[in-house]
């Protein structure tokens, strides 16, 4: 099995902005606990797994930003 990915020109790739975040002062256990609590509060529709995944990813991103103090 293989995958072919059509990429843009190298110039286009280089022009994108990338940011880095400092997680050195974050506590992984607190992060996991907070994410678990937030997931437990979500009303997830079992018939729409794609929507549930989107909500989960959004939630993870929100908590990651909090951990990095963005």
Protein backbone atom coordinates (compact mmCIF):
# COMPACT_ATOMS: atom_id res chain seq x y z
CA UNK A 1 0.00 0.00 0.00
CA UNK A 2 1.25 3.49 -0.77
CA UNK A 3 -0.01 7.06 -0.76
CA UNK A 4 0.62 9.79 -3.28
CA UNK A 5 0.37 13.32 -1.94
CA UNK A 6 0.21 16.14 -4.43
CA UNK A 7 2.12 19.01 -2.88
CA UNK A 8 2.42 22.62 -3.90
CA UNK A 9 5.66 24.24 -4.91
CA UNK A 10 8.47 24.53 -2.40
CA UNK A 11 8.11 28.31 -2.40
CA UNK A 12 4.46 28.04 -1.34
CA UNK A 13 5.38 25.62 1.44
CA UNK A 14 8.09 27.91 2.80
CA UNK A 15 5.80 30.94 2.89
CA UNK A 16 3.49 29.44 5.52
CA UNK A 17 3.82 30.65 9.09
CA UNK A 18 4.52 28.17 11.84
CA UNK A 19 4.30 28.85 15.53
CA UNK A 20 5.79 27.02 18.45
CA UNK A 21 4.42 26.79 21.94
CA UNK A 22 6.18 26.23 25.22
CA UNK A 23 4.70 23.33 27.16
CA UNK A 24 7.69 22.99 29.49
CA UNK A 25 5.75 24.31 32.49
CA UNK A 26 2.59 22.32 31.81
CA UNK A 27 1.46 19.36 33.87
CA UNK A 28 0.40 16.37 31.74
CA UNK A 29 -1.72 14.84 34.52
CA UNK A 30 -3.70 18.04 34.96
CA UNK A 31 -4.16 18.29 31.20
CA UNK A 32 -5.54 14.74 30.97
CA UNK A 33 -7.84 15.30 33.94
CA UNK A 34 -9.23 18.53 32.51
CA UNK A 35 -9.80 16.96 29.08
CA UNK A 36 -11.54 13.96 30.65
CA UNK A 37 -13.82 16.24 32.67
CA UNK A 38 -14.68 18.30 29.60
CA UNK A 39 -15.38 15.17 27.52
CA UNK A 40 -17.69 13.85 30.24
CA UNK A 41 -19.69 17.08 30.07
CA UNK A 42 -20.21 16.82 26.29
CA UNK A 43 -23.48 15.55 24.94
CA UNK A 44 -22.19 13.23 22.22
CA UNK A 45 -24.63 11.93 19.63
CA UNK A 46 -23.69 8.27 19.09
CA UNK A 47 -25.22 8.33 15.61
CA UNK A 48 -22.84 11.05 14.39
CA UNK A 49 -19.26 9.85 15.01
CA UNK A 50 -17.76 12.46 12.70
CA UNK A 51 -19.37 15.26 14.70
CA UNK A 52 -18.19 13.68 17.96
CA UNK A 53 -14.64 13.49 16.62
CA UNK A 54 -14.75 17.16 15.58
CA UNK A 55 -15.93 18.15 19.07
CA UNK A 56 -13.20 16.06 20.67
CA UNK A 57 -10.48 17.62 18.53
CA UNK A 58 -11.81 21.11 19.22
CA UNK A 59 -11.81 20.39 22.94
CA UNK A 60 -8.26 19.04 22.85
CA UNK A 61 -7.04 22.12 20.97
CA UNK A 62 -8.71 24.43 23.48
CA UNK A 63 -7.03 22.70 26.40
CA UNK A 64 -3.67 22.59 24.64
CA UNK A 65 -3.84 26.35 24.13
CA UNK A 66 -4.60 26.80 27.82
CA UNK A 67 -1.62 24.64 28.73
CA UNK A 68 0.67 26.74 26.53
CA UNK A 69 -0.86 29.97 27.91
CA UNK A 70 -1.87 31.24 24.47
